[in-house]
Amino acid sequence: MSEPGTLDLDRVFDEMGLREESGGVSFWVKAVPRSGSNSMKLTPGGLTVKLKSPPVDGKANEDLRRFLASALGLRPGAVSIVSGETSRRKKVFVMGLTRQGLFDAVSSVKSAGKLH
């Protein structure tokens, strides 16, 4: 059981619909365009990514792919949007990543104070 004020990443990953698939993982994110800066926030309800760019001509989708790739230490081509291109709720697929790899990446970013 986790301490009060801490996130149970397994539960959060369940909320995100995290699935290991052939060659990578897929999960849902909430994208918030036209924000003050690019940032991620992990909550009990899942992952929210704030993006500076507007949702025009696919700009926010491209920024989401690049931001997630950077945060996970991957190349931008490893992240693709599977569904929800015109919605705030998007399903992404990250090639070459496992559930444990995502757990480790999110845990290290969170512990370094970069995830808020």
C-alpha atoms as a PDB file:
ATOM      1  CA  MET A   1       0.000   0.000   0.000  1.00  0.00           C
ATOM      2  CA  SER A   2       1.329   3.436  -0.876  1.00  0.00           C
ATOM      3  CA  GLU A   3       1.796   6.254   1.580  1.00  0.00           C
ATOM      4  CA  PRO A   4      -0.706   9.130   1.641  1.00  0.00           C
ATOM      5  CA  GLY A   5       0.211  11.726  -0.969  1.00  0.00           C
ATOM      6  CA  THR A   6       2.083   9.243  -3.177  1.00  0.00           C
ATOM      7  CA  LEU A   7       0.878   7.691  -6.396  1.00  0.00           C
ATOM      8  CA  ASP A   8       0.418   3.981  -6.901  1.00  0.00           C
ATOM      9  CA  LEU A   9       1.907   3.753 -10.406  1.00  0.00           C
ATOM     10  CA  ASP A  10       0.342   0.359 -11.080  1.00  0.00           C
ATOM     11  CA  ARG A  11      -3.093   1.831 -10.390  1.00  0.00           C
ATOM     12  CA  VAL A  12      -2.324   4.927 -12.484  1.00  0.00           C
ATOM     13  CA  PHE A  13      -1.159   2.714 -15.360  1.00  0.00           C
ATOM     14  CA  ASP A  14      -4.431   0.778 -15.122  1.00  0.00           C
ATOM     15  CA  GLU A  15      -6.324   4.088 -15.355  1.00  0.00           C
ATOM     16  CA  MET A  16      -4.235   4.977 -18.420  1.00  0.00           C
ATOM     17  CA  GLY A  17      -5.222   1.681 -20.053  1.00  0.00           C
ATOM     18  CA  LEU A  18      -1.550   0.751 -20.340  1.00  0.00           C
ATOM     19  CA  ARG A  19      -1.118  -2.334 -22.508  1.00  0.00           C
ATOM     20  CA  GLU A  20       2.006  -4.128 -23.601  1.00  0.00           C
ATOM     21  CA  GLU A  21       1.744  -4.890 -27.288  1.00  0.00           C
ATOM     22  CA  SER A  22       4.032  -6.357 -29.879  1.00  0.00           C
ATOM     23  CA  GLY A  23       7.052  -4.049 -29.964  1.00  0.00           C
ATOM     24  CA  GLY A  24       5.945  -1.528 -27.345  1.00  0.00           C
ATOM     25  CA  VAL A  25       3.196  -0.168 -25.102  1.00  0.00           C
ATOM     26  CA  SER A  26       0.015   1.811 -25.672  1.00  0.00           C
ATOM     27  CA  PHE A  27      -1.795   4.072 -23.222  1.00  0.00           C
ATOM     28  CA  TRP A  28      -4.181   7.026 -23.021  1.00  0.00           C
ATOM     29  CA  VAL A  29      -3.076  10.586 -22.289  1.00  0.00           C
ATOM     30  CA  LYS A  30      -4.993  13.813 -21.874  1.00  0.00           C
ATOM     31  CA  ALA A  31      -3.473  16.578 -23.993  1.00  0.00           C
ATOM     32  CA  VAL A  32      -4.092  20.217 -23.069  1.00  0.00           C
ATOM     33  CA  PRO A  33      -3.022  22.552 -25.896  1.00  0.00           C
ATOM     34  CA  ARG A  34      -2.383  26.305 -25.573  1.00  0.00           C
ATOM     35  CA  SER A  35      -0.848  25.954 -22.109  1.00  0.00           C
ATOM     36  CA  GLY A  36       1.847  28.222 -20.717  1.00  0.00           C
ATOM     37  CA  SER A  37       4.571  25.598 -21.075  1.00  0.00           C
ATOM     38  CA  ASN A  38       5.117  21.964 -21.970  1.00  0.00           C
ATOM     39  CA  SER A  39       4.747  19.769 -18.873  1.00  0.00           C
ATOM     40  CA  MET A  40       3.388  16.450 -17.645  1.00  0.00           C
ATOM     41  CA  LYS A  41       1.354  15.683 -14.593  1.00  0.00           C
ATOM     42  CA  LEU A  42       0.727  12.186 -13.324  1.00  0.00           C
ATOM     43  CA  THR A  43      -2.413  11.896 -11.206  1.00  0.00           C
ATOM     44  CA  PRO A  44      -4.489   8.993  -9.915  1.00  0.00           C
ATOM     45  CA  GLY A  45      -6.642   9.517 -13.024  1.00  0.00           C
ATOM     46  CA  GLY A  46      -3.780   9.162 -15.510  1.00  0.00           C
ATOM     47  CA  LEU A  47      -1.280  11.248 -17.441  1.00  0.00           C
ATOM     48  CA  THR A  48      -1.987  14.842 -18.500  1.00  0.00           C
ATOM     49  CA  VAL A  49       0.386  16.575 -20.891  1.00  0.00           C
ATOM     50  CA  LYS A  50       0.207  20.353 -21.244  1.00  0.00           C
ATOM     51  CA  LEU A  51       1.480  21.754 -24.537  1.00  0.00           C
ATOM     52  CA  LYS A  52       2.307  25.314 -25.556  1.00  0.00           C
ATOM     53  CA  SER A  53       1.204  24.774 -29.143  1.00  0.00           C
ATOM     54  CA  PRO A  54      -2.348  25.271 -30.429  1.00  0.00           C
ATOM     55  CA  PRO A  55      -4.391  22.387 -31.844  1.00  0.00           C
ATOM     56  CA  VAL A  56      -4.006  23.696 -35.403  1.00  0.00           C
ATOM     57  CA  ASP A  57      -2.729  21.719 -38.386  1.00  0.00           C
ATOM     58  CA  GLY A  58      -1.528  18.859 -36.167  1.00  0.00           C
ATOM     59  CA  LYS A  59       0.959  21.101 -34.321  1.00  0.00           C
ATOM     60  CA  ALA A  60      -0.161  20.009 -30.825  1.00  0.00           C
ATOM     61  CA  ASN A  61      -0.092  16.333 -31.862  1.00  0.00           C
ATOM     62  CA  GLU A  62       3.459  16.680 -33.163  1.00  0.00           C
ATOM     63  CA  ASP A  63       4.535  18.483 -29.997  1.00  0.00           C
ATOM     64  CA  LEU A  64       2.906  15.755 -27.888  1.00  0.00           C
ATOM     65  CA  ARG A  65       4.872  13.070 -29.729  1.00  0.00           C
ATOM     66  CA  ARG A  66       8.143  14.974 -29.376  1.00  0.00           C
ATOM     67  CA  PHE A  67       7.567  15.878 -25.721  1.00  0.00           C
ATOM     68  CA  LEU A  68       6.685  12.316 -24.686  1.00  0.00           C
ATOM     69  CA  ALA A  69       9.665  10.936 -26.604  1.00  0.00           C
ATOM     70  CA  SER A  70      11.997  13.411 -24.911  1.00  0.00           C
ATOM     71  CA  ALA A  71      10.561  12.678 -21.459  1.00  0.00           C
ATOM     72  CA  LEU A  72      11.006   8.937 -22.043  1.00  0.00           C
ATOM     73  CA  GLY A  73      14.482   9.276 -23.525  1.00  0.00           C
ATOM     74  CA  LEU A  74      13.412   8.053 -26.964  1.00  0.00           C
ATOM     75  CA  ARG A  75      13.502   9.401 -30.503  1.00  0.00           C
ATOM     76  CA  PRO A  76      10.324  11.183 -31.683  1.00  0.00           C
ATOM     77  CA  GLY A  77       9.609   8.477 -34.264  1.00  0.00           C
ATOM     78  CA  ALA A  78       9.098   5.960 -31.440  1.00  0.00           C
ATOM     79  CA  VAL A  79       5.879   7.701 -30.338  1.00  0.00           C
ATOM     80  CA  SER A  80       2.756   7.625 -32.469  1.00  0.00           C
ATOM     81  CA  ILE A  81      -0.822   8.699 -31.900  1.00  0.00           C
ATOM     82  CA  VAL A  82      -3.062   5.685 -32.468  1.00  0.00           C
ATOM     83  CA  SER A  83      -6.429   7.371 -31.938  1.00  0.00           C
ATOM     84  CA  GLY A  84      -7.909  10.655 -30.802  1.00  0.00           C
ATOM     85  CA  GLU A  85      -5.995  12.946 -33.153  1.00  0.00           C
ATOM     86  CA  THR A  86      -8.735  15.594 -32.923  1.00  0.00           C
ATOM     87  CA  SER A  87      -9.582  14.932 -29.276  1.00  0.00           C
ATOM     88  CA  ARG A  88      -7.901  15.911 -26.026  1.00  0.00           C
ATOM     89  CA  ARG A  89      -7.900  12.250 -25.021  1.00  0.00           C
ATOM     90  CA  LYS A  90      -5.394  10.413 -27.184  1.00  0.00           C
ATOM     91  CA  LYS A  91      -4.150   6.871 -27.310  1.00  0.00           C
ATOM     92  CA  VAL A  92      -0.423   6.713 -27.979  1.00  0.00           C
ATOM     93  CA  PHE A  93       1.854   3.829 -28.860  1.00  0.00           C
ATOM     94  CA  VAL A  94       5.496   3.921 -27.783  1.00  0.00           C
ATOM     95  CA  MET A  95       7.695   1.566 -29.768  1.00  0.00           C
ATOM     96  CA  GLY A  96      10.510  -0.195 -27.948  1.00  0.00           C
ATOM     97  CA  LEU A  97       9.136   0.476 -24.461  1.00  0.00           C
ATOM     98  CA  THR A  98       7.793  -2.042 -21.942  1.00  0.00           C
ATOM     99  CA  ARG A  99       5.475  -1.516 -18.993  1.00  0.00           C
ATOM    100  CA  GLN A 100       8.492  -1.805 -16.689  1.00  0.00           C
ATOM    101  CA  GLY A 101      10.434   0.655 -18.854  1.00  0.00           C
ATOM    102  CA  LEU A 102       7.608   3.188 -18.614  1.00  0.00           C
ATOM    103  CA  PHE A 103       7.384   2.569 -14.862  1.00  0.00           C
ATOM    104  CA  ASP A 104      11.146   3.171 -14.502  1.00  0.00           C
ATOM    105  CA  ALA A 105      11.088   6.297 -16.710  1.00  0.00           C
ATOM    106  CA  VAL A 106       8.130   7.864 -14.900  1.00  0.00           C
ATOM    107  CA  SER A 107       9.559   6.947 -11.491  1.00  0.00           C
ATOM    108  CA  SER A 108      12.951   8.506 -12.249  1.00  0.00           C
ATOM    109  CA  VAL A 109      11.423  11.676 -13.702  1.00  0.00           C
ATOM    110  CA  LYS A 110       9.054  11.924 -10.732  1.00  0.00           C
ATOM    111  CA  SER A 111      11.830  11.409  -8.180  1.00  0.00           C
ATOM    112  CA  ALA A 112      14.032  13.975  -9.916  1.00  0.00           C
ATOM    113  CA  GLY A 113      11.242  16.523  -9.509  1.00  0.00           C
ATOM    114  CA  LYS A 114      10.725  16.936 -13.246  1.00  0.00           C
ATOM    115  CA  LEU A 115       7.220  15.487 -13.313  1.00  0.00           C
ATOM    116  CA  HIS A 116       4.607  17.737 -11.795  1.00  0.00           C
END
